[in-house]
Amino acid sequence: MEKILVDYSQIHLQENIPLHEEEINNIATQKKDFFKNTPASLLVALIIMVLIACYFLQNDFKNFKYYHYLLFIGIVLALYAFFYFLIWLTYKYYLRNWKKDIETGKNQLTSIVISRHKTENDEYMMTFAGRNQHEKIRLPAEKEDYYRYETGTKVVVSYLKYSKVILFIHELDT
């Protein structure tokens, strides 16, 4: 990996820039769409798990009493409630971050791309130089942006601080 020389006097960070109405509407749309397909997707996954369990228990069903069936249904309902609760906690986490982003606004960073990497789950991460030598800002990027901006490119990035979302990025003319 090559070492990028960074002139920290050219790094600028503007914080707490108010969001435009379009950006606030985008956050509102994300809030509304978060739970859109969750109950149905969770139900389909649970039905598949139940069918797999029934396949493995097919020889034991002849020995089942009524309370075994009630226990089986209770376990399925408990699993549904547990996974729904985990998804609800995730939603609350994102909701808190969206609220903070609306209150504090966005940040605009004039910086240099110091590294890029792709994760195992096909997430594209870009790391930008911060205001001092030990500060780095790592943000997930779109695939097009990841391939467009090479390491060492001077860019202007506008992003939401808590949600870690890049709103726009473009190359700085040198």
N, C-alpha and C. Protein backbone atom coordinates (compact mmCIF):
# COMPACT_ATOMS: atom_id res chain seq x y z
N MET A 1 0.84 -1.18 0.00
CA MET A 1 0.00 0.00 0.00
C MET A 1 0.88 1.24 0.00
N GLU A 2 0.61 2.13 -0.91
CA GLU A 2 1.42 3.33 -1.01
C GLU A 2 1.01 4.35 0.04
N LYS A 3 1.96 5.13 0.46
CA LYS A 3 1.74 6.14 1.48
C LYS A 3 1.34 7.45 0.80
N ILE A 4 0.23 8.02 1.23
CA ILE A 4 -0.26 9.28 0.66
C ILE A 4 0.22 10.42 1.55
N LEU A 5 0.87 11.39 0.95
CA LEU A 5 1.30 12.57 1.69
C LEU A 5 0.13 13.56 1.72
N VAL A 6 -0.22 13.98 2.91
CA VAL A 6 -1.38 14.85 3.09
C VAL A 6 -0.92 16.19 3.63
N ASP A 7 -1.36 17.26 2.97
CA ASP A 7 -1.12 18.61 3.46
C ASP A 7 -2.33 19.00 4.30
N TYR A 8 -2.19 18.92 5.63
CA TYR A 8 -3.32 19.13 6.53
C TYR A 8 -3.79 20.58 6.56
N SER A 9 -3.01 21.50 6.00
CA SER A 9 -3.47 22.89 5.95
C SER A 9 -4.57 23.07 4.90
N GLN A 10 -4.71 22.11 3.99
CA GLN A 10 -5.73 22.20 2.95
C GLN A 10 -7.00 21.42 3.30
N ILE A 11 -7.03 20.79 4.45
CA ILE A 11 -8.20 20.03 4.89
C ILE A 11 -9.14 20.98 5.65
N HIS A 12 -10.39 21.04 5.21
CA HIS A 12 -11.37 21.91 5.85
C HIS A 12 -12.63 21.11 6.15
N LEU A 13 -13.18 21.33 7.33
CA LEU A 13 -14.41 20.67 7.73
C LEU A 13 -15.40 21.71 8.21
N GLN A 14 -16.53 21.79 7.54
CA GLN A 14 -17.63 22.66 7.98
C GLN A 14 -18.66 21.76 8.63
N GLU A 15 -19.02 22.07 9.85
CA GLU A 15 -19.97 21.23 10.58
C GLU A 15 -21.29 21.96 10.76
N ASN A 16 -22.34 21.18 11.03
CA ASN A 16 -23.66 21.68 11.37
C ASN A 16 -24.27 22.58 10.30
N ILE A 17 -24.15 22.19 9.04
CA ILE A 17 -24.80 22.90 7.95
C ILE A 17 -26.25 22.42 7.91
N PRO A 18 -27.23 23.33 7.95
CA PRO A 18 -28.63 22.89 7.96
C PRO A 18 -28.98 22.07 6.71
N LEU A 19 -29.84 21.09 6.92
CA LEU A 19 -30.27 20.24 5.81
C LEU A 19 -31.31 20.95 4.96
N HIS A 20 -31.30 20.64 3.66
CA HIS A 20 -32.32 21.15 2.76
C HIS A 20 -33.60 20.34 2.94
N GLU A 21 -34.69 20.86 2.45
CA GLU A 21 -35.98 20.18 2.56
C GLU A 21 -35.96 18.81 1.87
N GLU A 22 -35.26 18.73 0.75
CA GLU A 22 -35.16 17.46 0.01
C GLU A 22 -34.44 16.39 0.84
N GLU A 23 -33.40 16.77 1.56
CA GLU A 23 -32.65 15.83 2.39
C GLU A 23 -33.48 15.38 3.60
N ILE A 24 -34.25 16.29 4.18
CA ILE A 24 -35.13 15.92 5.28
C ILE A 24 -36.22 14.98 4.79
N ASN A 25 -36.76 15.23 3.60
CA ASN A 25 -37.78 14.34 3.02
C ASN A 25 -37.21 12.96 2.73
N ASN A 26 -35.94 12.90 2.32
CA ASN A 26 -35.29 11.61 2.07
C ASN A 26 -35.18 10.81 3.37
N ILE A 27 -34.84 11.47 4.47
CA ILE A 27 -34.77 10.79 5.77
C ILE A 27 -36.15 10.32 6.19
N ALA A 28 -37.18 11.14 5.96
CA ALA A 28 -38.56 10.75 6.30
C ALA A 28 -39.00 9.54 5.48
N THR A 29 -38.60 9.47 4.24
CA THR A 29 -38.92 8.32 3.39
C THR A 29 -38.23 7.06 3.90
N GLN A 30 -36.98 7.19 4.33
CA GLN A 30 -36.27 6.05 4.89
C GLN A 30 -36.94 5.55 6.16
N LYS A 31 -37.42 6.47 7.00
CA LYS A 31 -38.14 6.08 8.21
C LYS A 31 -39.39 5.28 7.87
N LYS A 32 -40.13 5.79 6.88
CA LYS A 32 -41.40 5.16 6.52
C LYS A 32 -41.19 3.79 5.88
N ASP A 33 -40.14 3.64 5.11
CA ASP A 33 -39.90 2.40 4.37
C ASP A 33 -39.17 1.34 5.19
N PHE A 34 -38.70 1.67 6.38
CA PHE A 34 -37.89 0.73 7.15
C PHE A 34 -38.67 -0.53 7.50
N PHE A 35 -39.89 -0.39 8.00
CA PHE A 35 -40.70 -1.52 8.42
C PHE A 35 -41.66 -2.01 7.33
N LYS A 36 -41.50 -1.53 6.13
CA LYS A 36 -42.46 -1.82 5.06
C LYS A 36 -42.64 -3.31 4.82
N ASN A 37 -41.58 -4.06 4.67
CA ASN A 37 -41.66 -5.48 4.34
C ASN A 37 -41.22 -6.38 5.50
N THR A 38 -40.93 -5.80 6.64
CA THR A 38 -40.38 -6.57 7.75
C THR A 38 -41.29 -7.69 8.25
N PRO A 39 -42.56 -7.45 8.57
CA PRO A 39 -43.37 -8.54 9.11
C PRO A 39 -43.54 -9.70 8.13
N ALA A 40 -43.74 -9.39 6.85
CA ALA A 40 -43.91 -10.45 5.86
C ALA A 40 -42.62 -11.24 5.65
N SER A 41 -41.49 -10.55 5.57
CA SER A 41 -40.21 -11.23 5.39
C SER A 41 -39.89 -12.12 6.58
N LEU A 42 -40.15 -11.61 7.76
CA LEU A 42 -39.91 -12.39 8.97
C LEU A 42 -40.82 -13.61 9.03
N LEU A 43 -42.07 -13.44 8.63
CA LEU A 43 -43.02 -14.55 8.63
C LEU A 43 -42.60 -15.63 7.63
N VAL A 44 -42.14 -15.24 6.45
CA VAL A 44 -41.69 -16.21 5.44
C VAL A 44 -40.48 -16.98 5.96
N ALA A 45 -39.52 -16.28 6.57
CA ALA A 45 -38.34 -16.94 7.11
C ALA A 45 -38.72 -17.91 8.22
N LEU A 46 -39.66 -17.52 9.06
CA LEU A 46 -40.10 -18.38 10.16
C LEU A 46 -40.86 -19.60 9.64
N ILE A 47 -41.66 -19.43 8.60
CA ILE A 47 -42.37 -20.57 8.01
C ILE A 47 -41.38 -21.57 7.43
N ILE A 48 -40.33 -21.07 6.80
CA ILE A 48 -39.30 -21.96 6.27
C ILE A 48 -38.62 -22.72 7.40
N MET A 49 -38.33 -22.03 8.51
CA MET A 49 -37.72 -22.70 9.67
C MET A 49 -38.66 -23.77 10.23
N VAL A 50 -39.96 -23.47 10.30
CA VAL A 50 -40.94 -24.43 10.80
C VAL A 50 -41.03 -25.65 9.89
N LEU A 51 -41.01 -25.42 8.59
CA LEU A 51 -41.06 -26.54 7.64
C LEU A 51 -39.82 -27.44 7.77
N ILE A 52 -38.68 -26.83 7.98
CA ILE A 52 -37.45 -27.62 8.18
C ILE A 52 -37.56 -28.44 9.47
N ALA A 53 -38.07 -27.81 10.54
CA ALA A 53 -38.26 -28.53 11.81
C ALA A 53 -39.26 -29.67 11.64
N CYS A 54 -40.35 -29.43 10.90
CA CYS A 54 -41.36 -30.47 10.67
C CYS A 54 -40.77 -31.64 9.87
N TYR A 55 -39.89 -31.32 8.93
CA TYR A 55 -39.26 -32.38 8.14
C TYR A 55 -38.43 -33.30 9.04
N PHE A 56 -37.66 -32.69 9.96
CA PHE A 56 -36.83 -33.51 10.84
C PHE A 56 -37.64 -34.24 11.92
N LEU A 57 -38.83 -33.74 12.25
CA LEU A 57 -39.66 -34.35 13.28
C LEU A 57 -40.79 -35.22 12.70
N GLN A 58 -40.78 -35.47 11.41
CA GLN A 58 -41.91 -36.16 10.78
C GLN A 58 -42.19 -37.54 11.37
N ASN A 59 -41.17 -38.23 11.81
CA ASN A 59 -41.39 -39.56 12.40
C ASN A 59 -41.89 -39.48 13.85
N ASP A 60 -41.69 -38.36 14.51
CA ASP A 60 -42.09 -38.22 15.90
C ASP A 60 -43.49 -37.65 16.08
N PHE A 61 -44.13 -37.21 14.99
CA PHE A 61 -45.46 -36.60 15.12
C PHE A 61 -46.52 -37.59 15.61
N LYS A 62 -46.34 -38.86 15.35
CA LYS A 62 -47.35 -39.84 15.78
C LYS A 62 -47.39 -39.98 17.30
N ASN A 63 -46.30 -39.60 17.99
CA ASN A 63 -46.25 -39.68 19.45
C ASN A 63 -46.61 -38.35 20.13
N PHE A 64 -46.93 -37.34 19.34
CA PHE A 64 -47.23 -36.02 19.90
C PHE A 64 -48.61 -36.00 20.55
N LYS A 65 -48.70 -35.32 21.65
CA LYS A 65 -49.96 -35.05 22.33
C LYS A 65 -50.35 -33.60 22.01
N TYR A 66 -51.51 -33.19 22.43
CA TYR A 66 -51.99 -31.83 22.12
C TYR A 66 -51.06 -30.76 22.71
N TYR A 67 -50.47 -31.00 23.88
CA TYR A 67 -49.61 -30.00 24.49
C TYR A 67 -48.29 -29.86 23.75
N HIS A 68 -47.87 -30.90 23.01
CA HIS A 68 -46.67 -30.76 22.17
C HIS A 68 -46.94 -29.77 21.04
N TYR A 69 -48.13 -29.87 20.46
CA TYR A 69 -48.48 -28.93 19.38
C TYR A 69 -48.59 -27.51 19.92
N LEU A 70 -49.16 -27.35 21.10
CA LEU A 70 -49.26 -26.02 21.70
C LEU A 70 -47.86 -25.46 22.01
N LEU A 71 -47.00 -26.33 22.50
CA LEU A 71 -45.62 -25.91 22.78
C LEU A 71 -44.91 -25.50 21.49
N PHE A 72 -45.11 -26.26 20.43
CA PHE A 72 -44.51 -25.97 19.13
C PHE A 72 -44.99 -24.61 18.63
N ILE A 73 -46.28 -24.35 18.71
CA ILE A 73 -46.83 -23.06 18.27
C ILE A 73 -46.31 -21.93 19.16
N GLY A 74 -46.21 -22.18 20.46
CA GLY A 74 -45.67 -21.18 21.38
C GLY A 74 -44.23 -20.83 21.06
N ILE A 75 -43.44 -21.82 20.71
CA ILE A 75 -42.04 -21.58 20.34
C ILE A 75 -41.96 -20.74 19.07
N VAL A 76 -42.80 -21.04 18.10
CA VAL A 76 -42.82 -20.27 16.85
C VAL A 76 -43.19 -18.82 17.13
N LEU A 77 -44.22 -18.61 17.94
CA LEU A 77 -44.61 -17.24 18.28
C LEU A 77 -43.53 -16.51 19.06
N ALA A 78 -42.85 -17.21 19.96
CA ALA A 78 -41.76 -16.60 20.73
C ALA A 78 -40.59 -16.22 19.80
N LEU A 79 -40.27 -17.07 18.85
CA LEU A 79 -39.21 -16.74 17.88
C LEU A 79 -39.59 -15.52 17.05
N TYR A 80 -40.86 -15.47 16.60
CA TYR A 80 -41.32 -14.32 15.83
C TYR A 80 -41.19 -13.04 16.65
N ALA A 81 -41.63 -13.09 17.90
CA ALA A 81 -41.55 -11.92 18.77
C ALA A 81 -40.09 -11.52 19.02
N PHE A 82 -39.22 -12.50 19.23
CA PHE A 82 -37.81 -12.21 19.48
C PHE A 82 -37.15 -11.52 18.29
N PHE A 83 -37.34 -12.08 17.09
CA PHE A 83 -36.71 -11.48 15.91
C PHE A 83 -37.33 -10.12 15.57
N TYR A 84 -38.63 -9.98 15.79
CA TYR A 84 -39.28 -8.69 15.56
C TYR A 84 -38.73 -7.65 16.54
N PHE A 85 -38.48 -8.06 17.77
CA PHE A 85 -37.90 -7.16 18.77
C PHE A 85 -36.50 -6.72 18.36
N LEU A 86 -35.69 -7.64 17.84
CA LEU A 86 -34.35 -7.27 17.36
C LEU A 86 -34.42 -6.25 16.22
N ILE A 87 -35.36 -6.46 15.31
CA ILE A 87 -35.52 -5.52 14.20
C ILE A 87 -36.01 -4.18 14.72
N TRP A 88 -36.89 -4.19 15.70
CA TRP A 88 -37.39 -2.96 16.30
C TRP A 88 -36.27 -2.19 16.98
N LEU A 89 -35.37 -2.90 17.68
CA LEU A 89 -34.22 -2.24 18.31
C LEU A 89 -33.30 -1.59 17.26
N THR A 90 -33.10 -2.28 16.15
CA THR A 90 -32.31 -1.72 15.06
C THR A 90 -32.97 -0.46 14.52
N TYR A 91 -34.28 -0.51 14.36
CA TYR A 91 -35.02 0.66 13.88
C TYR A 91 -34.87 1.82 14.86
N LYS A 92 -34.95 1.57 16.15
CA LYS A 92 -34.78 2.64 17.14
C LYS A 92 -33.38 3.25 17.06
N TYR A 93 -32.37 2.42 16.81
CA TYR A 93 -31.01 2.92 16.66
C TYR A 93 -30.92 3.87 15.46
N TYR A 94 -31.45 3.44 14.32
CA TYR A 94 -31.44 4.30 13.13
C TYR A 94 -32.29 5.55 13.34
N LEU A 95 -33.41 5.41 14.03
CA LEU A 95 -34.28 6.54 14.30
C LEU A 95 -33.55 7.60 15.12
N ARG A 96 -32.80 7.16 16.12
CA ARG A 96 -32.02 8.09 16.94
C ARG A 96 -30.96 8.80 16.10
N ASN A 97 -30.29 8.06 15.21
CA ASN A 97 -29.29 8.68 14.35
C ASN A 97 -29.92 9.67 13.38
N TRP A 98 -31.08 9.33 12.80
CA TRP A 98 -31.76 10.26 11.89
C TRP A 98 -32.18 11.53 12.62
N LYS A 99 -32.66 11.38 13.85
CA LYS A 99 -33.07 12.55 14.63
C LYS A 99 -31.88 13.46 14.90
N LYS A 100 -30.74 12.87 15.29
CA LYS A 100 -29.53 13.66 15.53
C LYS A 100 -29.08 14.36 14.26
N ASP A 101 -29.16 13.67 13.12
CA ASP A 101 -28.75 14.27 11.85
C ASP A 101 -29.64 15.44 11.47
N ILE A 102 -30.93 15.33 11.72
CA ILE A 102 -31.83 16.44 11.41
C ILE A 102 -31.54 17.63 12.32
N GLU A 103 -31.26 17.37 13.58
CA GLU A 103 -30.97 18.45 14.54
C GLU A 103 -29.64 19.13 14.26
N THR A 104 -28.60 18.34 13.98
CA THR A 104 -27.26 18.93 13.83
C THR A 104 -26.92 19.31 12.40
N GLY A 105 -27.59 18.73 11.43
CA GLY A 105 -27.30 19.06 10.04
C GLY A 105 -26.21 18.17 9.47
N LYS A 106 -25.68 18.61 8.35
CA LYS A 106 -24.67 17.81 7.65
C LYS A 106 -23.30 18.45 7.81
N ASN A 107 -22.28 17.68 7.46
CA ASN A 107 -20.91 18.16 7.46
C ASN A 107 -20.40 18.20 6.03
N GLN A 108 -19.54 19.17 5.74
CA GLN A 108 -18.91 19.24 4.43
C GLN A 108 -17.40 19.23 4.64
N LEU A 109 -16.76 18.27 4.03
CA LEU A 109 -15.33 18.04 4.22
C LEU A 109 -14.60 18.21 2.90
N THR A 110 -13.59 19.07 2.90
CA THR A 110 -12.68 19.20 1.77
C THR A 110 -11.43 18.43 2.18
N SER A 111 -11.17 17.31 1.50
CA SER A 111 -10.12 16.42 1.98
C SER A 111 -9.53 15.62 0.82
N ILE A 112 -8.76 14.61 1.20
CA ILE A 112 -8.10 13.71 0.27
C ILE A 112 -8.50 12.28 0.61
N VAL A 113 -8.76 11.49 -0.41
CA VAL A 113 -9.05 10.07 -0.20
C VAL A 113 -7.74 9.39 0.16
N ILE A 114 -7.65 8.86 1.39
CA ILE A 114 -6.38 8.25 1.80
C ILE A 114 -6.41 6.72 1.66
N SER A 115 -7.60 6.12 1.64
CA SER A 115 -7.67 4.68 1.37
C SER A 115 -9.08 4.32 0.96
N ARG A 116 -9.18 3.18 0.30
CA ARG A 116 -10.47 2.64 -0.13
C ARG A 116 -10.38 1.13 0.04
N HIS A 117 -11.49 0.52 0.43
CA HIS A 117 -11.52 -0.93 0.47
C HIS A 117 -12.95 -1.43 0.33
N LYS A 118 -13.04 -2.65 -0.12
CA LYS A 118 -14.33 -3.30 -0.32
C LYS A 118 -14.44 -4.40 0.73
N THR A 119 -15.57 -4.45 1.44
CA THR A 119 -15.75 -5.44 2.49
C THR A 119 -16.27 -6.74 1.90
N GLU A 120 -16.39 -7.75 2.75
CA GLU A 120 -16.87 -9.05 2.30
C GLU A 120 -18.31 -9.00 1.81
N ASN A 121 -19.09 -8.06 2.33
CA ASN A 121 -20.50 -7.97 1.97
C ASN A 121 -20.75 -6.98 0.85
N ASP A 122 -19.74 -6.71 0.04
CA ASP A 122 -19.83 -5.77 -1.08
C ASP A 122 -20.21 -4.37 -0.64
N GLU A 123 -19.68 -3.94 0.48
CA GLU A 123 -19.81 -2.55 0.90
C GLU A 123 -18.52 -1.85 0.48
N TYR A 124 -18.66 -0.67 -0.04
CA TYR A 124 -17.51 0.08 -0.52
C TYR A 124 -17.22 1.20 0.47
N MET A 125 -16.05 1.14 1.09
CA MET A 125 -15.67 2.10 2.13
C MET A 125 -14.56 3.01 1.61
N MET A 126 -14.71 4.30 1.89
CA MET A 126 -13.68 5.27 1.54
C MET A 126 -13.26 5.98 2.83
N THR A 127 -11.96 6.18 2.98
CA THR A 127 -11.42 6.86 4.16
C THR A 127 -10.82 8.18 3.71
N PHE A 128 -11.22 9.25 4.40
CA PHE A 128 -10.75 10.59 4.08
C PHE A 128 -9.88 11.10 5.21
N ALA A 129 -8.92 11.95 4.87
CA ALA A 129 -8.04 12.54 5.88
C ALA A 129 -8.83 13.55 6.69
N GLY A 130 -8.62 13.52 8.01
CA GLY A 130 -9.27 14.47 8.90
C GLY A 130 -8.43 15.72 9.06
N ARG A 131 -8.80 16.56 10.03
CA ARG A 131 -8.12 17.84 10.20
C ARG A 131 -6.71 17.71 10.78
N ASN A 132 -6.44 16.61 11.47
CA ASN A 132 -5.09 16.42 11.99
C ASN A 132 -4.60 15.03 11.58
N GLN A 133 -3.38 14.73 11.91
CA GLN A 133 -2.73 13.53 11.40
C GLN A 133 -3.40 12.23 11.84
N HIS A 134 -3.98 12.20 13.02
CA HIS A 134 -4.55 10.96 13.53
C HIS A 134 -6.05 10.86 13.33
N GLU A 135 -6.66 11.83 12.68
CA GLU A 135 -8.09 11.81 12.45
C GLU A 135 -8.39 11.30 11.05
N LYS A 136 -9.24 10.29 10.99
CA LYS A 136 -9.65 9.71 9.71
C LYS A 136 -11.17 9.60 9.72
N ILE A 137 -11.78 9.87 8.59
CA ILE A 137 -13.23 9.78 8.47
C ILE A 137 -13.53 8.69 7.45
N ARG A 138 -14.14 7.61 7.93
CA ARG A 138 -14.46 6.47 7.07
C ARG A 138 -15.96 6.46 6.81
N LEU A 139 -16.33 6.44 5.53
CA LEU A 139 -17.74 6.47 5.14
C LEU A 139 -18.02 5.43 4.07
N PRO A 140 -19.19 4.81 4.12
CA PRO A 140 -19.58 3.90 3.03
C PRO A 140 -19.94 4.72 1.80
N ALA A 141 -19.49 4.25 0.64
CA ALA A 141 -19.70 4.98 -0.60
C ALA A 141 -20.47 4.12 -1.59
N GLU A 142 -21.05 4.77 -2.57
CA GLU A 142 -21.69 4.05 -3.66
C GLU A 142 -20.61 3.44 -4.54
N LYS A 143 -20.97 2.40 -5.27
CA LYS A 143 -20.01 1.68 -6.10
C LYS A 143 -19.39 2.60 -7.15
N GLU A 144 -20.21 3.47 -7.75
CA GLU A 144 -19.71 4.38 -8.79
C GLU A 144 -18.68 5.36 -8.22
N ASP A 145 -18.99 5.90 -7.03
CA ASP A 145 -18.05 6.83 -6.39
C ASP A 145 -16.77 6.13 -5.98
N TYR A 146 -16.89 4.91 -5.52
CA TYR A 146 -15.73 4.14 -5.09
C TYR A 146 -14.74 3.97 -6.25
N TYR A 147 -15.25 3.65 -7.42
CA TYR A 147 -14.37 3.45 -8.58
C TYR A 147 -13.97 4.76 -9.25
N ARG A 148 -14.73 5.82 -9.06
CA ARG A 148 -14.43 7.09 -9.70
C ARG A 148 -13.27 7.81 -9.01
N TYR A 149 -13.20 7.75 -7.69
CA TYR A 149 -12.20 8.52 -6.94
C TYR A 149 -11.11 7.61 -6.42
N GLU A 150 -9.94 7.73 -7.00
CA GLU A 150 -8.79 6.92 -6.62
C GLU A 150 -8.17 7.47 -5.34
N THR A 151 -7.31 6.69 -4.73
CA THR A 151 -6.58 7.12 -3.55
C THR A 151 -5.69 8.31 -3.92
N GLY A 152 -5.72 9.35 -3.11
CA GLY A 152 -4.93 10.56 -3.37
C GLY A 152 -5.71 11.66 -4.05
N THR A 153 -6.97 11.43 -4.38
CA THR A 153 -7.80 12.42 -5.05
C THR A 153 -8.34 13.43 -4.04
N LYS A 154 -8.26 14.73 -4.38
CA LYS A 154 -8.83 15.77 -3.52
C LYS A 154 -10.31 15.87 -3.85
N VAL A 155 -11.14 15.78 -2.81
CA VAL A 155 -12.59 15.78 -3.01
C VAL A 155 -13.28 16.69 -1.99
N VAL A 156 -14.52 17.02 -2.32
CA VAL A 156 -15.41 17.69 -1.38
C VAL A 156 -16.54 16.70 -1.11
N VAL A 157 -16.74 16.37 0.17
CA VAL A 157 -17.73 15.38 0.57
C VAL A 157 -18.72 16.04 1.52
N SER A 158 -19.99 15.86 1.23
CA SER A 158 -21.04 16.28 2.16
C SER A 158 -21.67 15.01 2.70
N TYR A 159 -21.75 14.89 4.04
CA TYR A 159 -22.23 13.65 4.63
C TYR A 159 -22.99 13.92 5.92
N LEU A 160 -23.81 12.94 6.29
CA LEU A 160 -24.51 12.99 7.57
C LEU A 160 -23.61 12.34 8.60
N LYS A 161 -23.36 13.02 9.68
CA LYS A 161 -22.37 12.58 10.67
C LYS A 161 -22.78 11.30 11.38
N TYR A 162 -24.02 11.21 11.83
CA TYR A 162 -24.43 10.07 12.66
C TYR A 162 -24.90 8.88 11.83
N SER A 163 -25.55 9.14 10.70
CA SER A 163 -26.03 8.05 9.85
C SER A 163 -24.92 7.49 8.95
N LYS A 164 -23.84 8.22 8.85
CA LYS A 164 -22.71 7.81 8.00
C LYS A 164 -23.17 7.60 6.56
N VAL A 165 -23.81 8.63 5.99
CA VAL A 165 -24.32 8.58 4.63
C VAL A 165 -23.70 9.74 3.85
N ILE A 166 -23.12 9.41 2.70
CA ILE A 166 -22.58 10.46 1.82
C ILE A 166 -23.74 11.03 1.02
N LEU A 167 -23.95 12.35 1.14
CA LEU A 167 -25.01 13.00 0.37
C LEU A 167 -24.52 13.34 -1.04
N PHE A 168 -23.34 13.90 -1.14
CA PHE A 168 -22.71 14.10 -2.45
C PHE A 168 -21.21 14.13 -2.28
N ILE A 169 -20.54 13.81 -3.37
CA ILE A 169 -19.09 13.84 -3.39
C ILE A 169 -18.67 14.25 -4.79
N HIS A 170 -17.72 15.17 -4.88
CA HIS A 170 -17.18 15.52 -6.18
C HIS A 170 -15.71 15.93 -6.05
N GLU A 171 -15.01 15.77 -7.15
CA GLU A 171 -13.58 16.03 -7.16
C GLU A 171 -13.32 17.52 -7.13
N LEU A 172 -12.31 17.91 -6.39
CA LEU A 172 -11.93 19.31 -6.26
C LEU A 172 -10.96 19.63 -7.38
N ASP A 173 -11.26 20.69 -8.13
CA ASP A 173 -10.36 21.09 -9.21
C ASP A 173 -9.08 21.65 -8.61
N THR A 174 -7.95 21.14 -9.10
CA THR A 174 -6.67 21.61 -8.57
C THR A 174 -5.96 22.52 -9.51
